N, C-alpha and C. Protein backbone atom coordinates (compact mmCIF):
# COMPACT_ATOMS: atom_id res chain seq x y z
N MET A 1 -4.07 -5.89 24.88
CA MET A 1 -3.80 -6.20 23.50
C MET A 1 -2.70 -7.23 23.43
N SER A 2 -2.99 -8.30 22.92
CA SER A 2 -1.83 -9.24 22.64
C SER A 2 -2.02 -10.09 21.42
N VAL A 3 -1.00 -10.34 20.69
CA VAL A 3 -1.20 -11.02 19.38
C VAL A 3 -0.24 -12.26 19.51
N THR A 4 -0.88 -13.40 19.22
CA THR A 4 -0.08 -14.74 19.50
C THR A 4 0.78 -15.03 18.24
N GLU A 5 0.30 -14.65 17.09
CA GLU A 5 1.16 -14.89 15.82
C GLU A 5 1.18 -13.64 15.05
N ARG A 6 2.08 -13.69 14.01
CA ARG A 6 2.17 -12.49 13.07
C ARG A 6 0.94 -12.36 12.16
N VAL A 7 0.46 -11.18 12.05
CA VAL A 7 -0.65 -10.75 11.21
C VAL A 7 -0.02 -9.94 10.22
N ARG A 8 -0.35 -10.20 8.88
CA ARG A 8 0.19 -9.36 7.78
C ARG A 8 -0.92 -9.14 6.77
N LEU A 9 -0.73 -7.97 6.22
CA LEU A 9 -1.61 -7.28 5.19
C LEU A 9 -0.87 -6.72 4.06
N VAL A 10 -0.96 -7.21 2.87
CA VAL A 10 -0.32 -6.64 1.69
C VAL A 10 -1.31 -5.91 0.94
N CYS A 11 -1.25 -4.62 0.82
CA CYS A 11 -2.19 -3.78 0.21
C CYS A 11 -1.96 -3.85 -1.44
N PRO A 12 -3.08 -4.28 -2.16
CA PRO A 12 -3.07 -4.32 -3.55
C PRO A 12 -2.78 -3.09 -4.25
N LEU A 13 -1.98 -3.22 -5.29
CA LEU A 13 -1.73 -1.88 -6.04
C LEU A 13 -1.94 -2.14 -7.52
N GLY A 14 -3.03 -1.40 -7.96
CA GLY A 14 -3.56 -1.72 -9.31
C GLY A 14 -2.56 -1.24 -10.33
N ARG A 15 -1.84 -0.17 -10.08
CA ARG A 15 -0.90 0.24 -11.12
C ARG A 15 0.19 -0.81 -11.23
N LYS A 16 0.60 -1.53 -10.25
CA LYS A 16 1.63 -2.46 -10.39
C LYS A 16 1.19 -3.66 -11.41
N HIS A 17 -0.07 -4.07 -11.23
CA HIS A 17 -0.56 -5.07 -12.09
C HIS A 17 -0.77 -4.52 -13.56
N ALA A 18 -1.33 -3.29 -13.67
CA ALA A 18 -1.64 -2.73 -14.93
C ALA A 18 -0.14 -2.57 -15.82
N GLU A 19 0.75 -1.90 -15.14
CA GLU A 19 2.09 -1.81 -15.83
C GLU A 19 2.67 -3.17 -16.16
N SER A 20 2.75 -4.09 -15.20
CA SER A 20 3.41 -5.34 -15.46
C SER A 20 2.73 -6.14 -16.65
N TRP A 21 1.35 -6.35 -16.58
CA TRP A 21 0.61 -7.12 -17.62
C TRP A 21 0.69 -6.25 -19.01
N GLY A 22 0.51 -4.94 -18.87
CA GLY A 22 0.56 -4.10 -20.09
C GLY A 22 2.00 -4.29 -20.82
N GLY A 23 3.01 -4.26 -20.00
CA GLY A 23 4.31 -4.35 -20.59
C GLY A 23 4.47 -5.75 -21.25
N VAL A 24 4.04 -6.79 -20.59
CA VAL A 24 4.15 -8.16 -21.12
C VAL A 24 3.34 -8.24 -22.43
N ALA A 25 2.09 -7.60 -22.46
CA ALA A 25 1.31 -7.56 -23.72
C ALA A 25 2.13 -6.88 -24.87
N LEU A 26 2.72 -5.65 -24.43
CA LEU A 26 3.42 -4.99 -25.55
C LEU A 26 4.67 -5.69 -26.08
N VAL A 27 5.43 -6.48 -25.17
CA VAL A 27 6.44 -7.27 -25.64
C VAL A 27 5.92 -8.41 -26.52
N ALA A 28 4.79 -8.98 -26.16
CA ALA A 28 4.24 -10.04 -27.04
C ALA A 28 3.77 -9.48 -28.39
N ALA A 29 3.18 -8.32 -28.47
CA ALA A 29 2.75 -7.79 -29.52
C ALA A 29 3.92 -7.27 -30.54
N GLY A 30 4.99 -6.88 -29.89
CA GLY A 30 6.15 -6.56 -30.63
C GLY A 30 6.79 -7.77 -31.26
N ALA A 31 6.92 -8.83 -30.47
CA ALA A 31 7.43 -10.06 -30.95
C ALA A 31 6.59 -10.66 -32.14
N LEU A 32 5.33 -10.49 -32.08
CA LEU A 32 4.40 -11.03 -32.98
C LEU A 32 4.54 -10.17 -34.34
N ALA A 33 4.68 -8.70 -34.20
CA ALA A 33 4.99 -7.93 -35.42
C ALA A 33 6.27 -8.29 -36.05
N ILE A 34 7.19 -8.67 -35.26
CA ILE A 34 8.56 -9.10 -35.89
C ILE A 34 8.51 -10.32 -36.55
N VAL A 35 7.78 -11.32 -36.01
CA VAL A 35 7.76 -12.72 -36.52
C VAL A 35 6.80 -12.73 -37.76
N LEU A 36 5.80 -11.94 -37.87
CA LEU A 36 4.97 -12.02 -39.06
C LEU A 36 5.56 -11.46 -40.28
N ASN A 37 6.33 -10.44 -40.23
CA ASN A 37 6.98 -9.93 -41.32
C ASN A 37 8.33 -9.44 -40.94
N PRO A 38 9.44 -10.30 -40.83
CA PRO A 38 10.72 -9.89 -40.42
C PRO A 38 11.54 -9.08 -41.61
N THR A 39 11.05 -9.22 -42.78
CA THR A 39 11.73 -8.38 -43.82
C THR A 39 11.34 -7.03 -44.03
N GLY A 40 10.11 -6.67 -43.61
CA GLY A 40 9.50 -5.36 -43.71
C GLY A 40 10.09 -4.33 -42.69
N TRP A 41 10.69 -3.22 -43.13
CA TRP A 41 11.35 -2.37 -42.27
C TRP A 41 10.30 -1.69 -41.26
N ALA A 42 9.15 -1.48 -41.76
CA ALA A 42 8.15 -0.92 -40.84
C ALA A 42 7.76 -1.78 -39.70
N ASN A 43 7.50 -3.07 -39.98
CA ASN A 43 7.16 -4.07 -38.94
C ASN A 43 8.31 -4.31 -38.06
N LEU A 44 9.51 -4.36 -38.60
CA LEU A 44 10.70 -4.59 -37.78
C LEU A 44 10.88 -3.30 -36.71
N ALA A 45 10.84 -2.12 -37.21
CA ALA A 45 11.00 -0.93 -36.36
C ALA A 45 9.82 -0.94 -35.34
N LEU A 46 8.54 -1.13 -35.81
CA LEU A 46 7.46 -1.13 -34.88
C LEU A 46 7.64 -2.25 -33.84
N GLY A 47 8.09 -3.44 -34.30
CA GLY A 47 8.38 -4.56 -33.31
C GLY A 47 9.34 -4.19 -32.18
N ILE A 48 10.46 -3.60 -32.68
CA ILE A 48 11.52 -3.31 -31.77
C ILE A 48 11.00 -2.23 -30.82
N VAL A 49 10.35 -1.25 -31.39
CA VAL A 49 9.83 -0.18 -30.38
C VAL A 49 8.91 -0.76 -29.26
N LEU A 50 8.01 -1.57 -29.81
CA LEU A 50 7.06 -2.25 -28.89
C LEU A 50 7.72 -3.14 -27.92
N VAL A 51 8.76 -3.96 -28.27
CA VAL A 51 9.38 -4.80 -27.30
C VAL A 51 10.20 -4.04 -26.40
N LEU A 52 10.95 -2.92 -26.83
CA LEU A 52 11.63 -2.12 -25.81
C LEU A 52 10.79 -1.49 -24.92
N GLY A 53 9.73 -0.72 -25.38
CA GLY A 53 8.74 -0.01 -24.55
C GLY A 53 7.98 -0.97 -23.61
N GLY A 54 7.58 -2.09 -24.08
CA GLY A 54 6.90 -3.09 -23.20
C GLY A 54 7.83 -3.67 -22.02
N ALA A 55 9.06 -3.86 -22.49
CA ALA A 55 10.13 -4.34 -21.50
C ALA A 55 10.29 -3.24 -20.43
N ALA A 56 10.42 -2.01 -20.85
CA ALA A 56 10.67 -0.98 -19.84
C ALA A 56 9.47 -0.82 -18.92
N LEU A 57 8.15 -0.84 -19.42
CA LEU A 57 7.05 -0.72 -18.71
C LEU A 57 6.85 -1.88 -17.70
N ALA A 58 7.13 -3.13 -18.23
CA ALA A 58 6.95 -4.29 -17.32
C ALA A 58 8.14 -4.23 -16.21
N TRP A 59 9.39 -3.75 -16.57
CA TRP A 59 10.45 -3.53 -15.60
C TRP A 59 9.95 -2.57 -14.40
N HIS A 60 9.39 -1.56 -14.89
CA HIS A 60 8.92 -0.52 -13.95
C HIS A 60 7.66 -1.02 -13.01
N GLY A 61 6.88 -1.87 -13.69
CA GLY A 61 5.64 -2.38 -12.87
C GLY A 61 6.13 -3.42 -11.79
N PHE A 62 7.16 -4.27 -12.31
CA PHE A 62 7.70 -5.25 -11.36
C PHE A 62 8.44 -4.58 -10.14
N ARG A 63 8.94 -3.46 -10.43
CA ARG A 63 9.87 -2.75 -9.46
C ARG A 63 8.95 -1.98 -8.44
N THR A 64 7.77 -1.63 -8.67
CA THR A 64 6.91 -0.94 -7.86
C THR A 64 6.53 -1.58 -6.64
N HIS A 65 6.70 -1.09 -5.49
CA HIS A 65 6.56 -1.74 -4.14
C HIS A 65 5.00 -1.56 -3.64
N GLN A 66 4.54 -2.53 -2.96
CA GLN A 66 3.32 -2.38 -2.34
C GLN A 66 3.44 -2.17 -0.80
N PRO A 67 2.63 -1.45 -0.14
CA PRO A 67 2.68 -1.33 1.24
C PRO A 67 2.34 -2.67 2.00
N VAL A 68 3.07 -2.95 2.98
CA VAL A 68 2.92 -4.06 3.72
C VAL A 68 2.72 -3.74 5.20
N LEU A 69 1.64 -4.18 5.92
CA LEU A 69 1.43 -3.93 7.26
C LEU A 69 1.66 -5.28 8.06
N GLU A 70 2.48 -5.36 9.05
CA GLU A 70 2.71 -6.52 9.87
C GLU A 70 2.56 -6.16 11.39
N ILE A 71 1.95 -7.02 12.17
CA ILE A 71 1.99 -6.81 13.56
C ILE A 71 2.29 -8.24 14.19
N ASP A 72 3.21 -8.37 15.11
CA ASP A 72 3.47 -9.40 15.92
C ASP A 72 3.52 -9.14 17.36
N THR A 73 4.03 -10.00 18.18
CA THR A 73 3.94 -9.77 19.62
C THR A 73 4.75 -8.62 20.09
N GLU A 74 5.72 -8.21 19.33
CA GLU A 74 6.61 -7.10 19.87
C GLU A 74 6.35 -5.73 19.15
N GLU A 75 6.03 -5.79 17.85
CA GLU A 75 5.95 -4.40 17.06
C GLU A 75 5.05 -4.48 15.96
N PHE A 76 4.75 -3.27 15.51
CA PHE A 76 3.99 -2.95 14.35
C PHE A 76 5.00 -2.59 13.24
N ARG A 77 4.93 -3.13 12.12
CA ARG A 77 5.84 -2.77 10.87
C ARG A 77 5.06 -2.34 9.83
N TYR A 78 5.46 -1.16 9.13
CA TYR A 78 4.87 -0.69 7.96
C TYR A 78 6.07 -0.69 6.88
N THR A 79 6.01 -1.34 5.70
CA THR A 79 7.13 -1.47 4.87
C THR A 79 6.69 -0.93 3.41
N LEU A 80 7.35 -0.10 2.83
CA LEU A 80 7.00 0.42 1.54
C LEU A 80 8.31 0.44 0.77
N GLY A 81 8.81 -0.58 0.20
CA GLY A 81 10.22 -0.54 -0.33
C GLY A 81 11.22 -0.55 0.65
N ARG A 82 12.06 0.46 0.61
CA ARG A 82 13.15 0.63 1.59
C ARG A 82 12.52 1.48 2.83
N TYR A 83 11.40 2.05 2.66
CA TYR A 83 10.94 2.81 3.92
C TYR A 83 10.31 1.80 4.93
N VAL A 84 10.83 1.85 6.08
CA VAL A 84 10.22 0.99 7.13
C VAL A 84 10.01 1.75 8.41
N VAL A 85 8.74 1.55 8.92
CA VAL A 85 8.43 2.18 10.17
C VAL A 85 8.17 0.96 11.13
N ARG A 86 8.84 1.04 12.34
CA ARG A 86 8.76 0.09 13.55
C ARG A 86 8.21 0.81 14.71
N ILE A 87 7.09 0.31 15.32
CA ILE A 87 6.65 0.84 16.57
C ILE A 87 6.38 -0.27 17.43
N PRO A 88 6.79 -0.10 18.67
CA PRO A 88 6.54 -1.25 19.68
C PRO A 88 5.04 -1.34 19.75
N PHE A 89 4.62 -2.62 19.75
CA PHE A 89 3.22 -2.90 19.86
C PHE A 89 2.55 -2.31 21.14
N SER A 90 3.32 -2.20 22.17
CA SER A 90 2.75 -1.65 23.40
C SER A 90 2.46 -0.24 23.36
N GLU A 91 2.95 0.47 22.41
CA GLU A 91 2.74 1.94 22.21
C GLU A 91 1.55 2.21 21.30
N ILE A 92 0.92 1.27 20.85
CA ILE A 92 -0.27 1.51 20.03
C ILE A 92 -1.48 1.38 20.79
N GLY A 93 -2.30 2.54 20.75
CA GLY A 93 -3.52 2.52 21.47
C GLY A 93 -4.74 2.29 20.64
N SER A 94 -4.73 2.94 19.42
CA SER A 94 -5.80 2.80 18.58
C SER A 94 -5.43 3.24 17.11
N TYR A 95 -6.30 3.11 16.24
CA TYR A 95 -5.94 3.48 14.89
C TYR A 95 -7.22 4.23 14.23
N TYR A 96 -7.00 4.89 13.11
CA TYR A 96 -7.96 5.40 12.32
C TYR A 96 -7.62 5.34 10.81
N VAL A 97 -8.70 5.19 9.94
CA VAL A 97 -8.48 5.29 8.55
C VAL A 97 -8.80 6.49 7.85
N LEU A 98 -7.98 7.07 7.12
CA LEU A 98 -8.30 8.26 6.35
C LEU A 98 -8.87 7.71 4.92
N ARG A 99 -10.04 8.11 4.70
CA ARG A 99 -10.71 7.63 3.48
C ARG A 99 -10.20 8.71 2.37
N GLY A 100 -10.45 8.28 1.15
CA GLY A 100 -10.04 9.12 0.02
C GLY A 100 -9.59 8.33 -1.17
N ARG A 101 -9.02 8.92 -2.23
CA ARG A 101 -8.54 8.38 -3.27
C ARG A 101 -7.36 7.31 -2.88
N THR A 102 -6.48 7.72 -2.06
CA THR A 102 -5.42 6.91 -1.59
C THR A 102 -5.76 6.74 -0.05
N ARG A 103 -6.04 5.60 0.42
CA ARG A 103 -6.32 5.29 1.88
C ARG A 103 -4.94 5.52 2.69
N SER A 104 -5.15 5.88 3.82
CA SER A 104 -4.05 6.09 4.75
C SER A 104 -4.45 5.58 6.14
N LEU A 105 -3.42 5.05 6.86
CA LEU A 105 -3.57 4.52 8.12
C LEU A 105 -3.02 5.35 9.19
N GLY A 106 -3.70 5.88 10.16
CA GLY A 106 -3.14 6.61 11.29
C GLY A 106 -3.15 5.78 12.66
N LEU A 107 -2.12 5.90 13.32
CA LEU A 107 -1.98 5.14 14.61
C LEU A 107 -1.88 6.27 15.73
N CYS A 108 -2.59 5.90 16.82
CA CYS A 108 -2.47 6.76 18.01
C CYS A 108 -1.88 6.04 19.18
N ASP A 109 -1.25 6.70 20.11
CA ASP A 109 -0.53 6.17 21.24
C ASP A 109 -1.60 5.83 22.14
N THR A 110 -1.28 5.30 23.44
CA THR A 110 -2.24 4.90 24.46
C THR A 110 -2.97 5.96 25.01
N THR A 111 -2.56 7.30 24.91
CA THR A 111 -3.24 8.43 25.42
C THR A 111 -4.19 9.04 24.31
N GLY A 112 -4.16 8.56 23.03
CA GLY A 112 -5.02 8.98 22.00
C GLY A 112 -4.39 9.99 21.00
N ARG A 113 -3.21 10.36 21.29
CA ARG A 113 -2.42 11.35 20.35
C ARG A 113 -1.97 10.59 19.05
N PRO A 114 -2.00 11.19 17.99
CA PRO A 114 -1.54 10.45 16.76
C PRO A 114 0.03 10.38 16.75
N HIS A 115 0.52 9.30 16.24
CA HIS A 115 1.89 9.32 15.98
C HIS A 115 2.27 10.10 14.75
N ASN A 116 3.45 10.61 14.70
CA ASN A 116 3.91 11.30 13.52
C ASN A 116 5.10 10.53 12.90
N PHE A 117 5.05 10.46 11.66
CA PHE A 117 5.94 9.52 10.84
C PHE A 117 6.69 10.42 9.82
N PRO A 118 7.97 10.04 9.52
CA PRO A 118 8.64 10.83 8.60
C PRO A 118 8.03 10.63 7.22
N SER A 119 8.27 11.53 6.31
CA SER A 119 7.66 11.39 4.96
C SER A 119 8.11 10.14 4.27
N VAL A 120 7.30 9.66 3.43
CA VAL A 120 7.68 8.37 2.67
C VAL A 120 8.70 8.79 1.64
N ALA A 121 8.61 9.94 1.04
CA ALA A 121 9.48 10.38 -0.04
C ALA A 121 10.79 10.88 0.41
N GLY A 122 11.02 10.92 1.83
CA GLY A 122 12.37 11.25 2.30
C GLY A 122 12.40 12.84 2.38
N ARG A 123 11.31 13.45 2.33
CA ARG A 123 11.35 14.90 2.62
C ARG A 123 11.36 15.25 4.06
N ARG A 124 11.45 16.49 4.35
CA ARG A 124 11.50 16.83 5.77
C ARG A 124 10.18 16.86 6.59
N ALA A 125 9.16 16.90 5.83
CA ALA A 125 7.88 16.96 6.54
C ALA A 125 7.56 15.69 7.19
N SER A 126 6.74 15.67 8.27
CA SER A 126 6.32 14.54 8.94
C SER A 126 4.70 14.44 8.77
N ARG A 127 4.26 13.30 8.95
CA ARG A 127 2.76 13.16 8.67
C ARG A 127 2.21 12.32 9.85
N PRO A 128 0.92 12.44 10.14
CA PRO A 128 0.49 11.63 11.20
C PRO A 128 -0.31 10.30 10.60
N TYR A 129 0.12 9.97 9.40
CA TYR A 129 -0.56 8.80 8.76
C TYR A 129 0.50 8.03 7.92
N LEU A 130 0.11 6.87 7.60
CA LEU A 130 0.98 5.97 6.67
C LEU A 130 0.18 5.74 5.39
N PRO A 131 0.65 6.06 4.22
CA PRO A 131 -0.07 5.91 2.99
C PRO A 131 -0.27 4.40 2.65
N LEU A 132 -1.42 4.05 2.27
CA LEU A 132 -1.69 2.71 1.69
C LEU A 132 -2.11 2.81 0.17
N THR A 133 -2.97 2.07 -0.27
CA THR A 133 -3.39 2.16 -1.58
C THR A 133 -4.86 2.35 -1.75
N GLY A 134 -5.43 3.00 -2.81
CA GLY A 134 -6.77 3.13 -3.03
C GLY A 134 -7.62 1.84 -3.26
N MET A 135 -6.95 0.77 -3.50
CA MET A 135 -7.67 -0.52 -3.83
C MET A 135 -7.89 -1.42 -2.55
N VAL A 136 -7.24 -0.98 -1.43
CA VAL A 136 -7.51 -1.67 -0.18
C VAL A 136 -8.78 -1.07 0.45
N SER A 137 -9.75 -1.83 0.86
CA SER A 137 -10.98 -1.42 1.50
C SER A 137 -10.85 -1.02 2.82
N PRO A 138 -11.49 -0.02 3.40
CA PRO A 138 -11.45 0.21 4.90
C PRO A 138 -11.87 -0.98 5.70
N ALA A 139 -12.86 -1.76 5.28
CA ALA A 139 -13.29 -2.95 5.94
C ALA A 139 -12.20 -3.97 6.02
N ARG A 140 -11.26 -4.01 5.02
CA ARG A 140 -10.22 -5.02 5.21
C ARG A 140 -9.23 -4.50 6.15
N ILE A 141 -9.00 -3.22 6.30
CA ILE A 141 -8.06 -2.57 7.25
C ILE A 141 -8.62 -2.84 8.70
N ASP A 142 -9.91 -2.60 8.73
CA ASP A 142 -10.52 -2.81 9.97
C ASP A 142 -10.40 -4.18 10.52
N ALA A 143 -10.56 -5.21 9.64
CA ALA A 143 -10.51 -6.60 9.91
C ALA A 143 -9.07 -6.89 10.32
N PHE A 144 -8.09 -6.36 9.64
CA PHE A 144 -6.60 -6.60 9.97
C PHE A 144 -6.36 -6.15 11.38
N MET A 145 -6.74 -4.82 11.65
CA MET A 145 -6.37 -4.25 12.95
C MET A 145 -7.11 -4.88 14.09
N SER A 146 -8.50 -5.51 13.80
CA SER A 146 -9.13 -6.16 14.85
C SER A 146 -8.50 -7.49 15.06
N ALA A 147 -7.86 -8.20 14.04
CA ALA A 147 -7.28 -9.41 14.23
C ALA A 147 -5.98 -9.23 15.05
N ALA A 148 -5.35 -8.02 14.89
CA ALA A 148 -4.29 -7.86 15.83
C ALA A 148 -4.61 -7.34 17.28
N GLY A 149 -5.78 -6.94 17.40
CA GLY A 149 -6.23 -6.62 18.79
C GLY A 149 -6.21 -5.12 18.93
N VAL A 150 -6.17 -4.35 17.99
CA VAL A 150 -6.03 -2.79 18.05
C VAL A 150 -7.35 -2.27 17.79
N PRO A 151 -7.87 -1.50 18.77
CA PRO A 151 -9.25 -0.98 18.51
C PRO A 151 -9.25 0.30 17.69
N PRO A 152 -10.43 0.51 17.14
CA PRO A 152 -10.49 1.89 16.32
C PRO A 152 -10.57 3.05 17.24
N ARG A 153 -10.11 4.15 16.77
CA ARG A 153 -10.22 5.41 17.43
C ARG A 153 -11.57 5.77 17.67
N ASP A 154 -11.97 6.28 18.85
CA ASP A 154 -13.31 6.83 19.11
C ASP A 154 -13.35 8.22 18.67
N ARG A 155 -13.97 8.63 17.73
CA ARG A 155 -13.99 9.91 17.12
C ARG A 155 -15.16 10.69 17.53
N SER A 156 -16.04 10.20 18.47
CA SER A 156 -17.23 10.95 18.82
C SER A 156 -16.88 12.03 19.69
N LEU A 157 -17.80 13.13 19.49
CA LEU A 157 -17.53 14.30 20.41
C LEU A 157 -17.99 14.19 21.89
N THR A 158 -18.95 13.20 22.15
CA THR A 158 -19.42 13.02 23.37
C THR A 158 -18.78 11.77 23.95
N SER A 159 -18.63 11.73 25.33
CA SER A 159 -18.15 10.61 25.98
C SER A 159 -19.20 9.55 26.48
N GLY A 160 -20.41 9.95 26.22
CA GLY A 160 -21.48 9.06 26.68
C GLY A 160 -21.78 8.11 25.76
N GLY A 161 -23.02 7.42 25.75
CA GLY A 161 -23.58 6.39 25.01
C GLY A 161 -24.05 7.11 23.70
N PRO A 162 -24.78 6.23 22.81
CA PRO A 162 -25.25 6.73 21.56
C PRO A 162 -26.20 7.84 21.65
N SER A 163 -26.78 8.10 22.79
CA SER A 163 -27.82 9.08 22.76
C SER A 163 -27.18 10.54 23.19
N GLY A 164 -25.93 10.61 23.38
CA GLY A 164 -25.35 11.92 23.60
C GLY A 164 -24.81 12.06 25.02
N GLY A 165 -25.11 11.23 25.92
CA GLY A 165 -24.51 11.29 27.17
C GLY A 165 -25.31 12.06 28.27
N SER A 166 -26.57 12.61 27.93
CA SER A 166 -27.28 13.24 29.12
C SER A 166 -28.38 12.72 29.40
């Protein structure tokens, strides 16, 4: 396995876009309510509430972090805000994708045992996977990992060919 350049995958986060654009729309609606009738107390109060709520929603949406996967010649990096996992590239043997509402990426060492990672939330528990987002497709993760030269984990129960090995 060798990577000649850095390979990067930014996982899309639907909530980030929804909160950001929803907040901007609420700010615009609040400004419009204030501009249309600045002398009416109801419109002024509604406009101020919409502008403040929209600004808070947009600020929260822009602050939300997206998971980023990077692989270069020396290491694998997973970044989610201030949470960073770095693993030497030579210690990665294979990977697997946990499907579900929130996709997750599991990495195995060269002997096939899963790596354990500290919890993203800073709790004491460790997990054998890194959380991604529900909007990233497993095919896109497979393409990213194959571009990096990491093979998928063989999850078959038999060690033979497709017929079962006998």
